[in-house]
Protein backbone atom coordinates (compact mmCIF):
# COMPACT_ATOMS: atom_id res chain seq x y z
CA UNK A 1 -3.12 35.35 -4.02
CA UNK A 2 -2.60 31.80 -3.09
CA UNK A 3 -3.01 28.84 -5.13
CA UNK A 4 -3.81 25.19 -2.48
CA UNK A 5 -3.84 21.91 -4.15
CA UNK A 6 -5.77 19.00 -2.25
CA UNK A 7 -4.78 15.52 -3.25
CA UNK A 8 -6.60 12.24 -2.06
CA UNK A 9 -5.45 8.75 -2.97
CA UNK A 10 -6.47 5.52 -1.49
CA UNK A 11 -4.56 3.00 0.36
CA UNK A 12 -4.38 -0.62 -0.43
CA UNK A 13 -5.41 -4.67 0.09
CA UNK A 14 -2.81 -6.82 -1.30
CA UNK A 15 -4.54 -9.73 -2.18
CA UNK A 16 -1.72 -11.88 -3.61
CA UNK A 17 1.77 -11.71 -5.21
CA UNK A 18 3.21 -9.05 -3.03
CA UNK A 19 7.30 -9.05 -2.56
CA UNK A 20 7.32 -10.27 -6.04
CA UNK A 21 6.86 -6.59 -6.98
CA UNK A 22 10.35 -5.79 -5.31
CA UNK A 23 13.08 -5.38 -7.77
CA UNK A 24 14.90 -7.74 -9.07
CA UNK A 25 12.64 -10.65 -7.57
CA UNK A 26 10.44 -10.54 -10.01
CA UNK A 27 12.93 -11.16 -12.77
CA UNK A 28 13.72 -14.35 -11.08
CA UNK A 29 9.93 -15.55 -11.34
CA UNK A 30 9.00 -15.26 -14.96
CA UNK A 31 5.26 -14.59 -15.15
CA UNK A 32 5.01 -12.82 -12.08
CA UNK A 33 1.70 -10.83 -11.02
CA UNK A 34 0.64 -8.85 -7.73
CA UNK A 35 -3.07 -8.38 -7.78
CA UNK A 36 -4.32 -5.49 -5.27
CA UNK A 37 -7.25 -3.36 -4.76
CA UNK A 38 -7.91 0.28 -3.62
CA UNK A 39 -9.18 0.74 -0.01
CA UNK A 40 -10.81 3.83 1.17
CA UNK A 41 -8.78 4.73 3.94
CA UNK A 42 -6.83 7.65 2.09
CA UNK A 43 -4.14 9.87 2.50
CA UNK A 44 -4.84 13.61 1.79
CA UNK A 45 -2.45 16.17 1.39
CA UNK A 46 -2.73 20.00 0.69
CA UNK A 47 -0.30 22.03 -0.70
CA UNK A 48 -0.21 25.77 -0.55
CA UNK A 49 1.72 28.56 -1.66
CA UNK A 50 3.37 31.45 0.25
CA UNK A 51 4.61 34.78 -0.43
CA UNK A 52 8.09 34.29 1.51
CA UNK A 53 10.24 31.49 0.77
CA UNK A 54 9.71 29.43 3.84
CA UNK A 55 8.48 25.67 3.80
CA UNK A 56 6.56 24.13 6.36
CA UNK A 57 6.20 20.55 6.35
CA UNK A 58 3.19 18.97 8.77
CA UNK A 59 2.06 15.29 9.38
CA UNK A 60 -1.03 15.43 11.20
CA UNK A 61 -1.13 11.59 11.52
CA UNK A 62 2.19 11.67 13.25
CA UNK A 63 1.87 14.85 15.29
CA UNK A 64 5.13 16.39 13.27
CA UNK A 65 5.90 19.68 12.13
CA UNK A 66 8.94 20.91 10.51
CA UNK A 67 10.23 24.63 9.22
CA UNK A 68 12.63 25.50 6.85
CA UNK A 69 13.83 29.10 5.68
CA UNK A 70 13.97 27.70 2.40
CA UNK A 71 13.84 24.64 -0.19
CA UNK A 72 17.71 25.03 0.03
CA UNK A 73 17.39 24.23 3.82
CA UNK A 74 15.68 20.97 3.69
CA UNK A 75 16.70 18.12 5.55
CA UNK A 76 16.75 14.67 4.90
CA UNK A 77 16.99 13.09 8.26
CA UNK A 78 14.26 13.74 10.38
CA UNK A 79 10.69 11.96 10.67
CA UNK A 80 9.28 14.20 7.59
CA UNK A 81 12.19 13.34 5.08
CA UNK A 82 9.62 12.00 2.63
CA UNK A 83 7.97 14.80 2.46
CA UNK A 84 11.35 16.81 1.98
CA UNK A 85 12.40 14.65 -0.55
CA UNK A 86 9.19 15.13 -2.58
CA UNK A 87 9.17 18.92 -2.25
CA UNK A 88 12.88 19.11 -2.97
CA UNK A 89 12.05 17.03 -6.23
CA UNK A 90 10.19 19.18 -7.56
CA UNK A 91 11.55 22.38 -6.28
CA UNK A 92 8.62 25.26 -6.44
CA UNK A 93 9.95 28.53 -7.11
CA UNK A 94 8.72 29.94 -3.64
CA UNK A 95 7.71 28.91 -0.29
CA UNK A 96 5.12 26.43 0.33
CA UNK A 97 2.99 24.89 3.28
CA UNK A 98 2.42 21.12 3.05
CA UNK A 99 0.01 19.43 5.24
CA UNK A 100 -0.90 15.71 5.29
CA UNK A 101 -2.75 13.41 6.94
CA UNK A 102 -3.20 9.33 6.58
CA UNK A 103 -6.27 7.85 8.09
CA UNK A 104 -5.14 4.18 7.68
CA UNK A 105 -3.48 3.17 11.21
CA UNK A 106 0.26 3.85 11.16
CA UNK A 107 2.43 0.47 10.41
CA UNK A 108 -0.80 -1.10 9.59
CA UNK A 109 0.46 -2.93 5.94
CA UNK A 110 -2.04 -1.01 3.99
CA UNK A 111 0.77 0.70 1.90
CA UNK A 112 -0.04 4.31 3.18
CA UNK A 113 3.73 5.78 2.95
CA UNK A 114 3.19 4.81 -0.75
CA UNK A 115 -0.16 6.24 -1.11
CA UNK A 116 1.22 9.55 0.58
CA UNK A 117 4.01 9.92 -2.25
CA UNK A 118 1.59 9.66 -4.83
CA UNK A 119 -0.84 12.16 -3.29
CA UNK A 120 1.78 14.44 -2.65
CA UNK A 121 3.53 13.81 -5.97
CA UNK A 122 0.51 14.37 -7.81
CA UNK A 123 -0.28 18.05 -5.69
CA UNK A 124 3.25 19.12 -6.12
CA UNK A 125 2.83 18.27 -10.16
CA UNK A 126 0.16 20.38 -10.55
CA UNK A 127 1.33 23.06 -8.03
CA UNK A 128 4.38 23.68 -9.57
CA UNK A 129 3.26 22.88 -13.35
CA UNK A 130 5.90 19.98 -13.84
CA UNK A 131 3.49 18.26 -16.46
CA UNK A 132 4.60 14.47 -15.37
CA UNK A 133 2.22 11.97 -16.76
CA UNK A 134 1.42 9.59 -14.50
CA UNK A 135 3.63 6.77 -15.82
CA UNK A 136 6.43 9.54 -14.70
CA UNK A 137 4.93 9.48 -11.03
CA UNK A 138 5.26 5.55 -10.89
CA UNK A 139 8.58 5.97 -11.83
CA UNK A 140 9.77 8.44 -9.41
CA UNK A 141 7.50 7.17 -6.29
CA UNK A 142 9.60 4.28 -5.95
CA UNK A 143 12.78 5.59 -6.18
CA UNK A 144 12.04 8.68 -3.50
CA UNK A 145 10.57 5.97 -1.30
CA UNK A 146 14.17 3.90 -1.57
CA UNK A 147 15.55 6.85 -0.29
CA UNK A 148 13.78 6.98 2.64
CA UNK A 149 13.65 3.34 3.94
CA UNK A 150 17.85 2.77 2.32
CA UNK A 151 16.56 -0.71 0.88
CA UNK A 152 14.48 -1.28 -2.39
CA UNK A 153 10.96 -0.26 -2.14
CA UNK A 154 8.15 -2.63 -3.80
CA UNK A 155 6.15 -1.14 -6.91
CA UNK A 156 2.80 -2.38 -6.32
CA UNK A 157 1.63 -0.05 -3.71
CA UNK A 158 1.57 2.93 -5.99
CA UNK A 159 -0.74 1.73 -8.88
CA UNK A 160 -4.30 1.38 -6.42
CA UNK A 161 -3.05 4.97 -4.97
CA UNK A 162 -2.62 6.21 -8.47
CA UNK A 163 -5.80 4.54 -10.40
CA UNK A 164 -8.13 3.06 -7.44
CA UNK A 165 -10.08 -0.40 -8.13
CA UNK A 166 -8.98 -3.92 -8.82
CA UNK A 167 -5.60 -3.91 -10.30
CA UNK A 168 -3.45 -6.91 -11.60
CA UNK A 169 0.43 -5.57 -11.92
CA UNK A 170 2.09 -7.60 -14.29
CA UNK A 171 6.12 -7.90 -13.70
CA UNK A 172 9.08 -8.66 -15.92
CA UNK A 173 11.63 -7.53 -18.22
CA UNK A 174 11.18 -3.81 -18.74
CA UNK A 175 9.35 -3.35 -15.74
CA UNK A 176 5.57 -3.21 -14.62
CA UNK A 177 2.40 -2.94 -16.54
CA UNK A 178 -1.03 -2.42 -14.99
CA UNK A 179 -4.30 -4.15 -15.95
CA UNK A 180 -7.64 -2.66 -14.17
CA UNK A 181 -9.75 -5.89 -13.29
CA UNK A 182 -13.69 -6.62 -12.83
CA UNK A 183 -14.61 -2.92 -12.11
CA UNK A 184 -18.12 -3.70 -11.89
CA UNK A 185 -17.42 -6.94 -9.20
CA UNK A 186 -16.02 -4.33 -6.83
CA UNK A 187 -19.25 -4.10 -4.58
CA UNK A 188 -19.51 -7.92 -4.29
CA UNK A 189 -16.02 -8.38 -3.09
CA UNK A 190 -16.27 -5.64 -0.87
CA UNK A 191 -19.36 -7.35 0.64
CA UNK A 192 -17.34 -10.25 1.36
CA UNK A 193 -14.24 -8.48 2.50
CA UNK A 194 -13.10 -7.72 6.24
CA UNK A 195 -10.11 -6.03 7.52
CA UNK A 196 -8.80 -6.02 10.93
CA UNK A 197 -5.78 -4.43 12.45
CA UNK A 198 -4.12 -6.75 14.94
CA UNK A 199 -2.76 -3.77 16.96
CA UNK A 200 0.89 -4.30 16.24
CA UNK A 201 2.45 -1.84 13.89
CA UNK A 202 4.94 -3.40 11.42
CA UNK A 203 7.56 -2.02 9.30
CA UNK A 204 7.67 -3.69 5.96
CA UNK A 205 11.15 -2.77 4.93
CA UNK A 206 12.77 -5.11 7.28
CA UNK A 207 10.89 -8.16 6.54
CA UNK A 208 10.96 -7.76 2.53
CA UNK A 209 14.84 -6.92 2.92
CA UNK A 210 15.65 -10.14 4.46
CA UNK A 211 13.68 -11.90 2.09
CA UNK A 212 15.44 -10.44 -0.88
CA UNK A 213 19.05 -11.11 0.65
CA UNK A 214 17.95 -14.87 1.26
CA UNK A 215 16.73 -15.34 -2.18
CA UNK A 216 19.94 -13.71 -4.07
CA UNK A 217 21.79 -15.74 -1.57
CA UNK A 218 20.35 -19.04 -2.84
CA UNK A 219 18.03 -20.08 -0.03
CA UNK A 220 15.79 -22.45 -1.82
CA UNK A 221 13.20 -22.81 0.63
CA UNK A 222 12.70 -18.73 0.42
CA UNK A 223 12.97 -19.27 -3.61
CA UNK A 224 10.33 -22.20 -3.89
CA UNK A 225 8.02 -20.29 -1.41
CA UNK A 226 7.91 -17.07 -3.90
CA UNK A 227 7.66 -19.49 -6.76
CA UNK A 228 4.42 -20.91 -4.99
CA UNK A 229 3.16 -17.40 -4.32
CA UNK A 230 3.97 -16.60 -7.71
CA UNK A 231 1.43 -19.28 -8.75
CA UNK A 232 -0.94 -18.34 -6.70
CA UNK A 233 -0.81 -14.80 -7.66
CA UNK A 234 -1.54 -15.96 -11.28
CA UNK A 235 -4.67 -17.96 -10.04
CA UNK A 236 -5.93 -15.03 -7.85
CA UNK A 237 -5.67 -13.16 -11.17
CA UNK A 238 -7.98 -16.03 -12.84
CA UNK A 239 -10.30 -15.99 -9.59
CA UNK A 240 -10.98 -12.39 -9.46
CA UNK A 241 -11.22 -12.28 -13.47
CA UNK A 242 -14.05 -14.93 -13.16
CA UNK A 243 -15.74 -13.45 -10.27
CA UNK A 244 -15.44 -16.16 -8.05
CA UNK A 245 -15.51 -15.26 -4.49
CA UNK A 246 -14.87 -18.91 -3.05
CA UNK A 247 -11.80 -19.18 -5.40
CA UNK A 248 -10.62 -15.37 -4.54
CA UNK A 249 -10.85 -16.86 -0.81
CA UNK A 250 -9.15 -19.92 -1.45
CA UNK A 251 -6.13 -18.50 -3.03
CA UNK A 252 -6.18 -15.91 -0.33
CA UNK A 253 -5.51 -18.72 2.33
CA UNK A 254 -3.12 -20.50 0.48
CA UNK A 255 -0.86 -17.21 -0.27
CA UNK A 256 -0.73 -16.82 3.33
CA UNK A 257 0.33 -20.74 4.06
CA UNK A 258 3.26 -19.59 2.00
CA UNK A 259 3.87 -16.32 2.72
CA UNK A 260 4.32 -17.18 6.52
CA UNK A 261 7.55 -19.59 5.18
CA UNK A 262 9.26 -16.85 3.89
CA UNK A 263 10.84 -14.97 6.80
CA UNK A 264 10.60 -15.57 10.46
CA UNK A 265 8.40 -13.18 12.19
CA UNK A 266 5.99 -12.67 9.36
CA UNK A 267 3.15 -13.93 11.19
CA UNK A 268 2.68 -13.59 15.00
CA UNK A 269 0.80 -15.16 17.87
CA UNK A 270 -1.71 -12.34 17.56
CA UNK A 271 -2.31 -13.19 13.92
CA UNK A 272 -2.51 -16.40 14.54
CA UNK A 273 -4.88 -15.94 17.07
CA UNK A 274 -7.34 -13.55 15.02
CA UNK A 275 -6.83 -15.95 11.90
CA UNK A 276 -8.38 -18.97 13.86
CA UNK A 277 -11.17 -16.97 15.47
CA UNK A 278 -12.01 -15.47 12.17
CA UNK A 279 -12.15 -18.85 10.13
CA UNK A 280 -14.29 -20.78 13.00
CA UNK A 281 -16.41 -17.56 12.62
CA UNK A 282 -16.83 -17.85 8.84
CA UNK A 283 -14.06 -16.45 7.26
CA UNK A 284 -13.26 -18.54 3.80
CA UNK A 285 -9.48 -17.22 4.02
CA UNK A 286 -7.35 -14.76 5.19
CA UNK A 287 -3.91 -13.33 4.85
CA UNK A 288 -1.69 -10.50 6.28
CA UNK A 289 -1.64 -6.92 4.83
CA UNK A 290 1.87 -6.28 3.38
CA UNK A 291 5.08 -7.84 4.71
CA UNK A 292 3.42 -8.72 7.93
CA UNK A 293 4.81 -8.86 11.64
CA UNK A 294 1.76 -6.96 12.19
CA UNK A 295 -0.52 -4.37 10.65
CA UNK A 296 -3.39 -5.52 9.31
CA UNK A 297 -5.07 -9.19 8.25
CA UNK A 298 -7.85 -9.27 5.26
CA UNK A 299 -10.46 -12.02 5.32
CA UNK A 300 -13.04 -12.88 2.59
CA UNK A 301 -16.15 -14.17 4.44
CA UNK A 302 -19.01 -16.67 3.76
CA UNK A 303 -22.54 -15.00 2.90
CA UNK A 304 -24.20 -13.61 5.44
CA UNK A 305 -21.61 -14.60 8.24
CA UNK A 306 -20.03 -10.67 8.08
CA UNK A 307 -21.22 -9.65 11.61
CA UNK A 308 -20.16 -12.91 13.23
CA UNK A 309 -16.51 -12.67 11.95
CA UNK A 310 -16.56 -8.93 12.99
CA UNK A 311 -17.75 -10.22 16.54
CA UNK A 312 -15.38 -12.72 16.65
CA UNK A 313 -12.17 -10.51 15.46
CA UNK A 314 -13.36 -7.85 18.21
CA UNK A 315 -13.61 -10.35 20.83
CA UNK A 316 -10.19 -11.79 20.11
CA UNK A 317 -8.54 -7.92 20.79
CA UNK A 318 -8.31 -7.03 16.91
CA UNK A 319 -10.02 -3.56 15.50
CA UNK A 320 -12.26 -4.06 12.64
CA UNK A 321 -11.82 -1.07 10.74
CA UNK A 322 -14.78 0.72 8.64
CA UNK A 323 -13.13 0.49 5.15
CA UNK A 324 -14.64 -0.59 1.92
CA UNK A 325 -13.42 -1.24 -1.31
CA UNK A 326 -13.33 2.24 -3.85
CA UNK A 327 -13.03 2.78 -7.41
CA UNK A 328 -11.58 5.90 -6.61
CA UNK A 329 -7.73 6.49 -7.37
CA UNK A 330 -5.79 9.88 -7.05
CA UNK A 331 -8.18 13.08 -6.92
CA UNK A 332 -6.57 16.30 -7.34
CA UNK A 333 -8.52 19.83 -6.72
CA UNK A 334 -7.60 23.14 -6.83
CA UNK A 335 -8.37 26.44 -5.13
CA UNK A 336 -6.86 30.32 -5.09
CA UNK A 337 -7.47 32.37 -1.75
């Protein structure tokens, strides 16, 4: 009899306060907070036990498959090293077959790799009966992703993947705590939201690490920009708590105005073109998702202007994603065959 555990975790949109979740940056900006929301472009993982010791790793979205004779033979220098490191950490007693798929575009800035960590960690946690609480998964996830990136991983992406909904991640001495926000306002916020892929992939680690280094080296422009982003994230927290869509849009736009100052390449000509087209068509505010340099941009649009904004973005060469906000976080199901 084989056990099969299937896990699904949402990706996310960071509304404000991204980059501050990178340790140790938030320690230098007291009151730091990141506000994000779960998006129904999920990562799915299926983990199945085997009758032998073989470990099979497959990522359908990147078209890669690796086969190892045992857990002891796993390699950590291949495109599927994130999967390999998670299997090695949970150390199943026998062989397993892991199949993953991310529905968000690769390099989209929507936190797909972090959602993958939460989904696969959740599935392996159940399959191996490890018994780790959700808080333990949140602690191990950035450690494993840091091993893959070779630079510090931020911590905000794991919360919407685990819990869904709108989240305020409070950052400070002792780590992070998560506050669920305005769950009954999720549908209203979703009705004003447009997510557009630029067609350009990005790698968040490069931009983020450059920002961390310049901050630690004493660059005053970077430090001032992050202080302002901290203030705007707190304003976003208040705007979401007050269910004020106009204030949310204003914070989103102002956050973007300061974020583009953080590193060369955060914005691109394509991003600027799409921003201008959306605003002319009725977007109240917009910002890049994640660390920028490509990926997705998110917009808050005025009442009854959703179709016009989508049409303008498409005409400008963007791809409007069929994506909506979701209250659903990590889900796990199990079967025996």
